[in-house]
Amino acid sequence: MRLCLFHPASFQTGRTSQGSDLLVRHVDILREAVRITRVERPFEIDAWVVMPDHLHCVWTLPSGDSNFSVRWGAIKARFSMGVRRAGFTPPPRLPRVVSGEYAGVNPGVRVHKGEVGIWHRRFWEHCIRDEVDFEAHVDYCHWNPVKHGFVDRAIEWPHSTVHRDMKVGRWAYGGLHPVCATVEMREMRGVNRVFLHDKIIDS
């Protein structure tokens, strides 16, 4: 747990086992898990995108509160319980990640803590530095389905706050409607740059 000193918002990434589609297949269960957690421990959702096996979001916590881990733990637990009630049976143990940005992460199950092998044990956190950084990470969330090749336009992905933001006029690209924005425009804005000050945190 750490306090973001530069900006009240923080960018978060959570993952399930690679190749899983649990998050989109049971997105209603995920939404309910988030809703209940927000009632118990409030936070603002500045951006959120749910992909098949991972999600990205930007949260703003109440002033003086930096406890992302407790919130993530609650969301993960509620989602895991919900999908098991829906009939999902998790594997007994997940393999250690051996390559890529998550190399070395072992999402293996800690049975004595009631873990069920759905989520990676940790989540990634990036403290937002300033308004430019904030906008870049909101854009990163919205463009993630395009980056992964699921859709050609951000607006085509249903599990994203891009729809909410477009309705209230909070999200547009360079004065153009996001429906008209291209991958090249996304790259010009620089949302694929390397983000600094990232940290892996247990949840």
C-alpha atoms as a PDB file:
ATOM      1  CA  MET A   1       0.000   0.000   0.000  1.00  0.00           C
ATOM      2  CA  ARG A   2       1.377   3.412  -0.907  1.00  0.00           C
ATOM      3  CA  LEU A   3       0.042   6.932  -1.186  1.00  0.00           C
ATOM      4  CA  CYS A   4       0.128   8.458  -4.683  1.00  0.00           C
ATOM      5  CA  LEU A   5       1.742  11.812  -4.030  1.00  0.00           C
ATOM      6  CA  PHE A   6       1.581  13.231  -7.541  1.00  0.00           C
ATOM      7  CA  HIS A   7      -2.121  12.802  -8.353  1.00  0.00           C
ATOM      8  CA  PRO A   8      -5.079  11.283  -6.457  1.00  0.00           C
ATOM      9  CA  ALA A   9      -5.670   8.667  -9.183  1.00  0.00           C
ATOM     10  CA  SER A  10      -3.928   5.350  -9.789  1.00  0.00           C
ATOM     11  CA  PHE A  11      -3.793   2.994 -12.786  1.00  0.00           C
ATOM     12  CA  GLN A  12      -4.402  -0.676 -11.949  1.00  0.00           C
ATOM     13  CA  THR A  13      -4.058  -3.978 -13.813  1.00  0.00           C
ATOM     14  CA  GLY A  14      -5.514  -7.302 -12.671  1.00  0.00           C
ATOM     15  CA  ARG A  15      -5.102 -10.649 -14.427  1.00  0.00           C
ATOM     16  CA  THR A  16      -6.648 -14.098 -14.481  1.00  0.00           C
ATOM     17  CA  SER A  17      -4.949 -17.141 -16.004  1.00  0.00           C
ATOM     18  CA  GLN A  18      -3.685 -16.550 -19.534  1.00  0.00           C
ATOM     19  CA  GLY A  19      -6.107 -17.591 -22.242  1.00  0.00           C
ATOM     20  CA  SER A  20      -9.109 -17.498 -19.930  1.00  0.00           C
ATOM     21  CA  ASP A  21     -12.278 -15.646 -20.932  1.00  0.00           C
ATOM     22  CA  LEU A  22     -13.796 -15.655 -17.451  1.00  0.00           C
ATOM     23  CA  LEU A  23     -13.881 -11.883 -17.059  1.00  0.00           C
ATOM     24  CA  VAL A  24     -16.016 -11.251 -20.137  1.00  0.00           C
ATOM     25  CA  ARG A  25     -17.999 -14.484 -19.862  1.00  0.00           C
ATOM     26  CA  HIS A  26     -19.017 -13.530 -16.332  1.00  0.00           C
ATOM     27  CA  VAL A  27     -18.792  -9.759 -16.628  1.00  0.00           C
ATOM     28  CA  ASP A  28     -22.089  -9.314 -14.769  1.00  0.00           C
ATOM     29  CA  ILE A  29     -20.612 -11.107 -11.761  1.00  0.00           C
ATOM     30  CA  LEU A  30     -17.563  -8.847 -11.968  1.00  0.00           C
ATOM     31  CA  ARG A  31     -19.758  -5.739 -12.122  1.00  0.00           C
ATOM     32  CA  GLU A  32     -21.657  -6.856  -9.037  1.00  0.00           C
ATOM     33  CA  ALA A  33     -18.420  -7.574  -7.182  1.00  0.00           C
ATOM     34  CA  VAL A  34     -17.202  -4.072  -7.980  1.00  0.00           C
ATOM     35  CA  ARG A  35     -20.534  -2.495  -7.047  1.00  0.00           C
ATOM     36  CA  ILE A  36     -20.656  -4.112  -3.613  1.00  0.00           C
ATOM     37  CA  THR A  37     -17.019  -3.282  -2.939  1.00  0.00           C
ATOM     38  CA  ARG A  38     -17.602   0.367  -3.835  1.00  0.00           C
ATOM     39  CA  VAL A  39     -20.500   0.513  -1.385  1.00  0.00           C
ATOM     40  CA  GLU A  40     -18.279  -0.812   1.397  1.00  0.00           C
ATOM     41  CA  ARG A  41     -15.103   1.063   0.421  1.00  0.00           C
ATOM     42  CA  PRO A  42     -15.885   3.903  -1.994  1.00  0.00           C
ATOM     43  CA  PHE A  43     -13.714   4.830  -4.953  1.00  0.00           C
ATOM     44  CA  GLU A  44     -14.297   6.664  -8.215  1.00  0.00           C
ATOM     45  CA  ILE A  45     -13.940   4.801 -11.502  1.00  0.00           C
ATOM     46  CA  ASP A  46     -12.194   7.157 -13.915  1.00  0.00           C
ATOM     47  CA  ALA A  47     -11.747   4.451 -16.559  1.00  0.00           C
ATOM     48  CA  TRP A  48     -12.193   0.705 -16.796  1.00  0.00           C
ATOM     49  CA  VAL A  49     -11.845  -1.909 -19.512  1.00  0.00           C
ATOM     50  CA  VAL A  50     -12.498  -5.626 -19.076  1.00  0.00           C
ATOM     51  CA  MET A  51     -10.629  -7.946 -21.412  1.00  0.00           C
ATOM     52  CA  PRO A  52     -11.004 -11.740 -21.549  1.00  0.00           C
ATOM     53  CA  ASP A  53      -8.130 -12.507 -19.161  1.00  0.00           C
ATOM     54  CA  HIS A  54      -7.186  -9.136 -17.681  1.00  0.00           C
ATOM     55  CA  LEU A  55      -8.530  -5.723 -16.888  1.00  0.00           C
ATOM     56  CA  HIS A  56      -7.179  -2.189 -16.643  1.00  0.00           C
ATOM     57  CA  CYS A  57      -8.678   0.649 -14.670  1.00  0.00           C
ATOM     58  CA  VAL A  58      -8.003   4.096 -13.260  1.00  0.00           C
ATOM     59  CA  TRP A  59      -9.357   4.704  -9.747  1.00  0.00           C
ATOM     60  CA  THR A  60      -9.480   7.717  -7.493  1.00  0.00           C
ATOM     61  CA  LEU A  61      -9.736   6.899  -3.801  1.00  0.00           C
ATOM     62  CA  PRO A  62     -11.071   9.224  -1.092  1.00  0.00           C
ATOM     63  CA  SER A  63      -8.599  11.765   0.262  1.00  0.00           C
ATOM     64  CA  GLY A  64      -6.074  10.159   2.588  1.00  0.00           C
ATOM     65  CA  ASP A  65      -7.031   6.614   1.563  1.00  0.00           C
ATOM     66  CA  SER A  66      -4.493   4.602  -0.430  1.00  0.00           C
ATOM     67  CA  ASN A  67      -5.704   1.072   0.309  1.00  0.00           C
ATOM     68  CA  PHE A  68      -6.086  -0.375  -3.162  1.00  0.00           C
ATOM     69  CA  SER A  69      -5.105  -3.842  -1.955  1.00  0.00           C
ATOM     70  CA  VAL A  70      -8.126  -4.303   0.298  1.00  0.00           C
ATOM     71  CA  ARG A  71     -10.466  -3.269  -2.505  1.00  0.00           C
ATOM     72  CA  TRP A  72      -8.799  -5.579  -5.004  1.00  0.00           C
ATOM     73  CA  GLY A  73      -8.887  -8.440  -2.529  1.00  0.00           C
ATOM     74  CA  ALA A  74     -12.618  -7.935  -2.012  1.00  0.00           C
ATOM     75  CA  ILE A  75     -13.358  -7.714  -5.747  1.00  0.00           C
ATOM     76  CA  LYS A  76     -11.316 -10.825  -6.511  1.00  0.00           C
ATOM     77  CA  ALA A  77     -12.905 -12.821  -3.690  1.00  0.00           C
ATOM     78  CA  ARG A  78     -16.452 -11.854  -4.679  1.00  0.00           C
ATOM     79  CA  PHE A  79     -15.829 -12.606  -8.353  1.00  0.00           C
ATOM     80  CA  SER A  80     -14.213 -15.960  -7.543  1.00  0.00           C
ATOM     81  CA  MET A  81     -17.118 -16.939  -5.328  1.00  0.00           C
ATOM     82  CA  GLY A  82     -19.613 -15.829  -7.964  1.00  0.00           C
ATOM     83  CA  VAL A  83     -18.100 -17.794 -10.853  1.00  0.00           C
ATOM     84  CA  ARG A  84     -17.780 -20.912  -8.703  1.00  0.00           C
ATOM     85  CA  ARG A  85     -21.465 -20.634  -7.873  1.00  0.00           C
ATOM     86  CA  ALA A  86     -22.071 -20.323 -11.620  1.00  0.00           C
ATOM     87  CA  GLY A  87     -20.343 -23.675 -12.160  1.00  0.00           C
ATOM     88  CA  PHE A  88     -16.704 -22.790 -12.879  1.00  0.00           C
ATOM     89  CA  THR A  89     -14.147 -25.250 -11.509  1.00  0.00           C
ATOM     90  CA  PRO A  90     -10.648 -23.737 -11.301  1.00  0.00           C
ATOM     91  CA  PRO A  91      -7.458 -25.744 -11.875  1.00  0.00           C
ATOM     92  CA  PRO A  92      -5.638 -26.884  -8.713  1.00  0.00           C
ATOM     93  CA  ARG A  93      -2.543 -24.857  -9.546  1.00  0.00           C
ATOM     94  CA  LEU A  94      -1.539 -22.347 -12.206  1.00  0.00           C
ATOM     95  CA  PRO A  95       1.917 -22.402 -13.850  1.00  0.00           C
ATOM     96  CA  ARG A  96       4.571 -19.823 -13.076  1.00  0.00           C
ATOM     97  CA  VAL A  97       4.771 -17.056 -15.690  1.00  0.00           C
ATOM     98  CA  VAL A  98       8.094 -17.523 -17.496  1.00  0.00           C
ATOM     99  CA  SER A  99       8.226 -14.650 -20.002  1.00  0.00           C
ATOM    100  CA  GLY A 100       6.958 -11.160 -20.705  1.00  0.00           C
ATOM    101  CA  GLU A 101       6.232  -8.344 -18.293  1.00  0.00           C
ATOM    102  CA  TYR A 102       4.799 -10.720 -15.682  1.00  0.00           C
ATOM    103  CA  ALA A 103       7.763 -13.116 -15.698  1.00  0.00           C
ATOM    104  CA  GLY A 104       8.359 -14.689 -12.319  1.00  0.00           C
ATOM    105  CA  VAL A 105       4.829 -14.202 -11.040  1.00  0.00           C
ATOM    106  CA  ASN A 106       3.508 -17.401  -9.531  1.00  0.00           C
ATOM    107  CA  PRO A 107      -0.292 -17.364  -9.330  1.00  0.00           C
ATOM    108  CA  GLY A 108      -0.351 -20.738  -7.631  1.00  0.00           C
ATOM    109  CA  VAL A 109      -3.111 -21.387  -5.152  1.00  0.00           C
ATOM    110  CA  ARG A 110      -2.595 -20.836  -1.412  1.00  0.00           C
ATOM    111  CA  VAL A 111      -5.205 -23.334  -0.209  1.00  0.00           C
ATOM    112  CA  HIS A 112      -4.828 -22.357   3.433  1.00  0.00           C
ATOM    113  CA  LYS A 113      -5.980 -18.851   2.508  1.00  0.00           C
ATOM    114  CA  GLY A 114      -8.959 -20.086   0.544  1.00  0.00           C
ATOM    115  CA  GLU A 115      -7.564 -19.195  -2.887  1.00  0.00           C
ATOM    116  CA  VAL A 116      -9.126 -20.955  -5.855  1.00  0.00           C
ATOM    117  CA  GLY A 117      -6.699 -20.341  -8.741  1.00  0.00           C
ATOM    118  CA  ILE A 118      -8.660 -17.818 -10.794  1.00  0.00           C
ATOM    119  CA  TRP A 119      -6.680 -14.593 -10.334  1.00  0.00           C
ATOM    120  CA  HIS A 120      -3.006 -13.869 -10.362  1.00  0.00           C
ATOM    121  CA  ARG A 121      -2.164 -13.202  -6.749  1.00  0.00           C
ATOM    122  CA  ARG A 122      -0.880  -9.691  -7.379  1.00  0.00           C
ATOM    123  CA  PHE A 123      -2.031  -6.624  -9.245  1.00  0.00           C
ATOM    124  CA  TRP A 124      -0.035  -3.890 -10.964  1.00  0.00           C
ATOM    125  CA  GLU A 125      -0.250  -0.321  -9.746  1.00  0.00           C
ATOM    126  CA  HIS A 126       0.981   2.902 -11.301  1.00  0.00           C
ATOM    127  CA  CYS A 127       0.632   6.189  -9.417  1.00  0.00           C
ATOM    128  CA  ILE A 128      -0.577   8.880 -11.809  1.00  0.00           C
ATOM    129  CA  ARG A 129       1.926  11.742 -12.000  1.00  0.00           C
ATOM    130  CA  ASP A 130      -0.103  14.577 -13.497  1.00  0.00           C
ATOM    131  CA  GLU A 131      -3.081  15.352 -15.750  1.00  0.00           C
ATOM    132  CA  VAL A 132      -1.196  14.357 -18.904  1.00  0.00           C
ATOM    133  CA  ASP A 133      -0.334  11.012 -17.338  1.00  0.00           C
ATOM    134  CA  PHE A 134      -3.950  10.650 -16.185  1.00  0.00           C
ATOM    135  CA  GLU A 135      -5.300  11.195 -19.702  1.00  0.00           C
ATOM    136  CA  ALA A 136      -2.726   8.797 -21.177  1.00  0.00           C
ATOM    137  CA  HIS A 137      -3.790   6.000 -18.853  1.00  0.00           C
ATOM    138  CA  VAL A 138      -7.494   6.634 -19.415  1.00  0.00           C
ATOM    139  CA  ASP A 139      -6.745   6.433 -23.139  1.00  0.00           C
ATOM    140  CA  TYR A 140      -4.752   3.243 -22.566  1.00  0.00           C
ATOM    141  CA  CYS A 141      -7.787   1.642 -20.944  1.00  0.00           C
ATOM    142  CA  HIS A 142     -10.107   2.693 -23.745  1.00  0.00           C
ATOM    143  CA  TRP A 143      -7.740   1.650 -26.540  1.00  0.00           C
ATOM    144  CA  ASN A 144      -6.724  -1.689 -25.019  1.00  0.00           C
ATOM    145  CA  PRO A 145      -9.216  -3.774 -27.045  1.00  0.00           C
ATOM    146  CA  VAL A 146      -7.813  -2.178 -30.219  1.00  0.00           C
ATOM    147  CA  LYS A 147      -4.248  -2.855 -29.086  1.00  0.00           C
ATOM    148  CA  HIS A 148      -5.048  -6.553 -28.614  1.00  0.00           C
ATOM    149  CA  GLY A 149      -6.820  -6.802 -31.961  1.00  0.00           C
ATOM    150  CA  PHE A 150     -10.297  -7.604 -30.663  1.00  0.00           C
ATOM    151  CA  VAL A 151     -11.872  -4.609 -32.414  1.00  0.00           C
ATOM    152  CA  ASP A 152     -10.872  -1.897 -34.859  1.00  0.00           C
ATOM    153  CA  ARG A 153     -12.447   0.951 -32.895  1.00  0.00           C
ATOM    154  CA  ALA A 154     -12.572   1.517 -29.158  1.00  0.00           C
ATOM    155  CA  ILE A 155     -16.320   2.091 -29.262  1.00  0.00           C
ATOM    156  CA  GLU A 156     -16.876  -1.449 -30.585  1.00  0.00           C
ATOM    157  CA  TRP A 157     -15.769  -3.094 -27.330  1.00  0.00           C
ATOM    158  CA  PRO A 158     -18.746  -3.417 -24.959  1.00  0.00           C
ATOM    159  CA  HIS A 159     -16.886  -3.833 -21.662  1.00  0.00           C
ATOM    160  CA  SER A 160     -15.406  -0.369 -21.339  1.00  0.00           C
ATOM    161  CA  THR A 161     -16.149   3.000 -19.768  1.00  0.00           C
ATOM    162  CA  VAL A 162     -15.510   4.575 -23.161  1.00  0.00           C
ATOM    163  CA  HIS A 163     -19.281   4.440 -23.755  1.00  0.00           C
ATOM    164  CA  ARG A 164     -20.018   6.303 -20.524  1.00  0.00           C
ATOM    165  CA  ASP A 165     -17.366   8.918 -21.225  1.00  0.00           C
ATOM    166  CA  MET A 166     -18.518   9.501 -24.789  1.00  0.00           C
ATOM    167  CA  LYS A 167     -22.108  10.067 -23.650  1.00  0.00           C
ATOM    168  CA  VAL A 168     -21.064  12.888 -21.342  1.00  0.00           C
ATOM    169  CA  GLY A 169     -18.450  14.312 -23.701  1.00  0.00           C
ATOM    170  CA  ARG A 170     -15.429  13.355 -21.582  1.00  0.00           C
ATOM    171  CA  TRP A 171     -13.572  11.298 -24.154  1.00  0.00           C
ATOM    172  CA  ALA A 172     -12.553  12.297 -27.642  1.00  0.00           C
ATOM    173  CA  TYR A 173      -9.310  12.160 -29.549  1.00  0.00           C
ATOM    174  CA  GLY A 174      -7.757  15.290 -30.949  1.00  0.00           C
ATOM    175  CA  GLY A 175     -11.154  16.873 -31.505  1.00  0.00           C
ATOM    176  CA  LEU A 176     -12.321  13.847 -33.500  1.00  0.00           C
ATOM    177  CA  HIS A 177     -15.054  11.432 -32.517  1.00  0.00           C
ATOM    178  CA  PRO A 178     -13.408   8.239 -31.169  1.00  0.00           C
ATOM    179  CA  VAL A 179     -15.360   6.178 -33.710  1.00  0.00           C
ATOM    180  CA  CYS A 180     -13.227   7.839 -36.391  1.00  0.00           C
ATOM    181  CA  ALA A 181      -9.940   7.502 -34.529  1.00  0.00           C
ATOM    182  CA  THR A 182      -7.373   5.050 -35.882  1.00  0.00           C
ATOM    183  CA  VAL A 183      -4.647   2.960 -34.338  1.00  0.00           C
ATOM    184  CA  GLU A 184      -2.091   5.328 -35.852  1.00  0.00           C
ATOM    185  CA  MET A 185      -3.668   8.248 -33.998  1.00  0.00           C
ATOM    186  CA  ARG A 186      -3.468   6.242 -30.776  1.00  0.00           C
ATOM    187  CA  GLU A 187       0.245   5.678 -31.342  1.00  0.00           C
ATOM    188  CA  MET A 188       0.791   9.375 -32.083  1.00  0.00           C
ATOM    189  CA  ARG A 189      -0.715  10.230 -28.731  1.00  0.00           C
ATOM    190  CA  GLY A 190       1.796   7.933 -27.097  1.00  0.00           C
ATOM    191  CA  VAL A 191      -0.426   5.694 -25.020  1.00  0.00           C
ATOM    192  CA  ASN A 192       1.893   2.756 -25.705  1.00  0.00           C
ATOM    193  CA  ARG A 193       4.845   4.479 -24.046  1.00  0.00           C
ATOM    194  CA  VAL A 194       6.638   2.837 -21.133  1.00  0.00           C
ATOM    195  CA  PHE A 195       4.999   3.832 -17.849  1.00  0.00           C
ATOM    196  CA  LEU A 196       7.343   4.579 -14.959  1.00  0.00           C
ATOM    197  CA  HIS A 197       6.986   3.941 -11.239  1.00  0.00           C
ATOM    198  CA  ASP A 198       5.002   0.732 -11.658  1.00  0.00           C
ATOM    199  CA  LYS A 199       4.766  -1.611  -8.692  1.00  0.00           C
ATOM    200  CA  ILE A 200       3.497  -5.151  -8.140  1.00  0.00           C
ATOM    201  CA  ILE A 201       1.321  -5.399  -5.052  1.00  0.00           C
ATOM    202  CA  ASP A 202      -0.241  -8.347  -3.266  1.00  0.00           C
ATOM    203  CA  SER A 203      -4.004  -8.248  -2.943  1.00  0.00           C
END
